[in-house]
Amino acid sequence: MTIPANAIREEVWELIDDQIEAFGRRSRLTPSELSECHYRAERIKRLGQELDRIGSTAILEKRLGTAA
């Protein structure tokens, strides 16, 4: 994978780790913590879409013979 894709994947893993930590707590989440969880979930979704775009572009470039 490309360097940008690797950076995106690393950020996704960090966000997932934060989600696991938040939902693993014994106490209830505060409204602020719930908001943070929602933000992380949306960020994970957007980053996943970006990874899909990067992968699709790479596949198209390879098929068309334009890959670097």
Protein backbone atom coordinates (compact mmCIF):
# COMPACT_ATOMS: atom_id res chain seq x y z
CA MET A 1 0.00 0.00 0.00
CA THR A 2 1.01 3.59 -0.41
CA ILE A 3 2.37 5.69 2.42
CA PRO A 4 -0.85 7.77 2.72
CA ALA A 5 -2.86 4.55 2.95
CA ASN A 6 -0.57 3.26 5.69
CA ALA A 7 -1.02 6.49 7.66
CA ILE A 8 -4.79 6.21 7.28
CA ARG A 9 -4.76 2.60 8.43
CA GLU A 10 -2.69 3.55 11.47
CA GLU A 11 -5.15 6.30 12.40
CA VAL A 12 -8.06 3.89 12.00
CA TRP A 13 -6.41 1.39 14.36
CA GLU A 14 -5.80 4.14 16.94
CA LEU A 15 -9.43 5.24 16.73
CA ILE A 16 -10.63 1.64 17.09
CA ASP A 17 -8.42 1.19 20.15
CA ASP A 18 -9.94 4.35 21.65
CA GLN A 19 -13.45 3.02 20.94
CA ILE A 20 -12.66 -0.32 22.59
CA GLU A 21 -11.27 1.47 25.63
CA ALA A 22 -14.33 3.73 25.91
CA PHE A 23 -16.85 0.92 25.61
CA GLY A 24 -14.87 -1.34 27.94
CA ARG A 25 -15.33 0.96 30.92
CA ARG A 26 -17.54 -0.25 33.72
CA SER A 27 -19.12 3.16 34.25
CA ARG A 28 -21.62 4.79 31.97
CA LEU A 29 -20.28 7.14 29.36
CA THR A 30 -20.93 10.82 29.86
CA PRO A 31 -22.65 12.81 27.12
CA SER A 32 -19.25 14.24 26.20
CA GLU A 33 -17.71 10.75 25.96
CA LEU A 34 -20.63 9.57 23.84
CA SER A 35 -20.09 12.53 21.55
CA GLU A 36 -16.41 11.61 21.23
CA CYS A 37 -17.38 8.02 20.39
CA HIS A 38 -19.73 9.28 17.71
CA TYR A 39 -17.00 11.50 16.27
CA ARG A 40 -14.55 8.57 16.20
CA ALA A 41 -17.11 6.31 14.50
CA GLU A 42 -17.72 8.92 11.79
CA ARG A 43 -13.97 9.46 11.37
CA ILE A 44 -13.41 5.70 11.01
CA LYS A 45 -16.14 5.60 8.37
CA ARG A 46 -14.63 8.49 6.38
CA LEU A 47 -11.13 7.03 6.59
CA GLY A 48 -12.44 3.67 5.40
CA GLN A 49 -14.02 5.38 2.42
CA GLU A 50 -10.72 7.07 1.65
CA LEU A 51 -8.90 3.73 1.81
CA ASP A 52 -11.48 2.29 -0.58
CA ARG A 53 -10.88 5.19 -2.96
CA ILE A 54 -7.12 4.73 -2.81
CA GLY A 55 -7.47 1.00 -3.45
CA SER A 56 -9.89 1.48 -6.33
CA THR A 57 -7.62 4.04 -7.94
CA ALA A 58 -4.63 1.71 -7.63
CA ILE A 59 -6.58 -1.14 -9.22
CA LEU A 60 -7.73 1.05 -12.10
CA GLU A 61 -4.20 2.34 -12.66
CA LYS A 62 -2.86 -1.20 -12.72
CA ARG A 63 -5.53 -2.35 -15.18
CA LEU A 64 -4.90 0.62 -17.42
CA GLY A 65 -1.14 0.28 -17.13
CA THR A 66 -0.67 3.75 -15.67
CA ALA A 67 0.67 2.70 -12.30
CA ALA A 68 3.98 4.24 -11.30
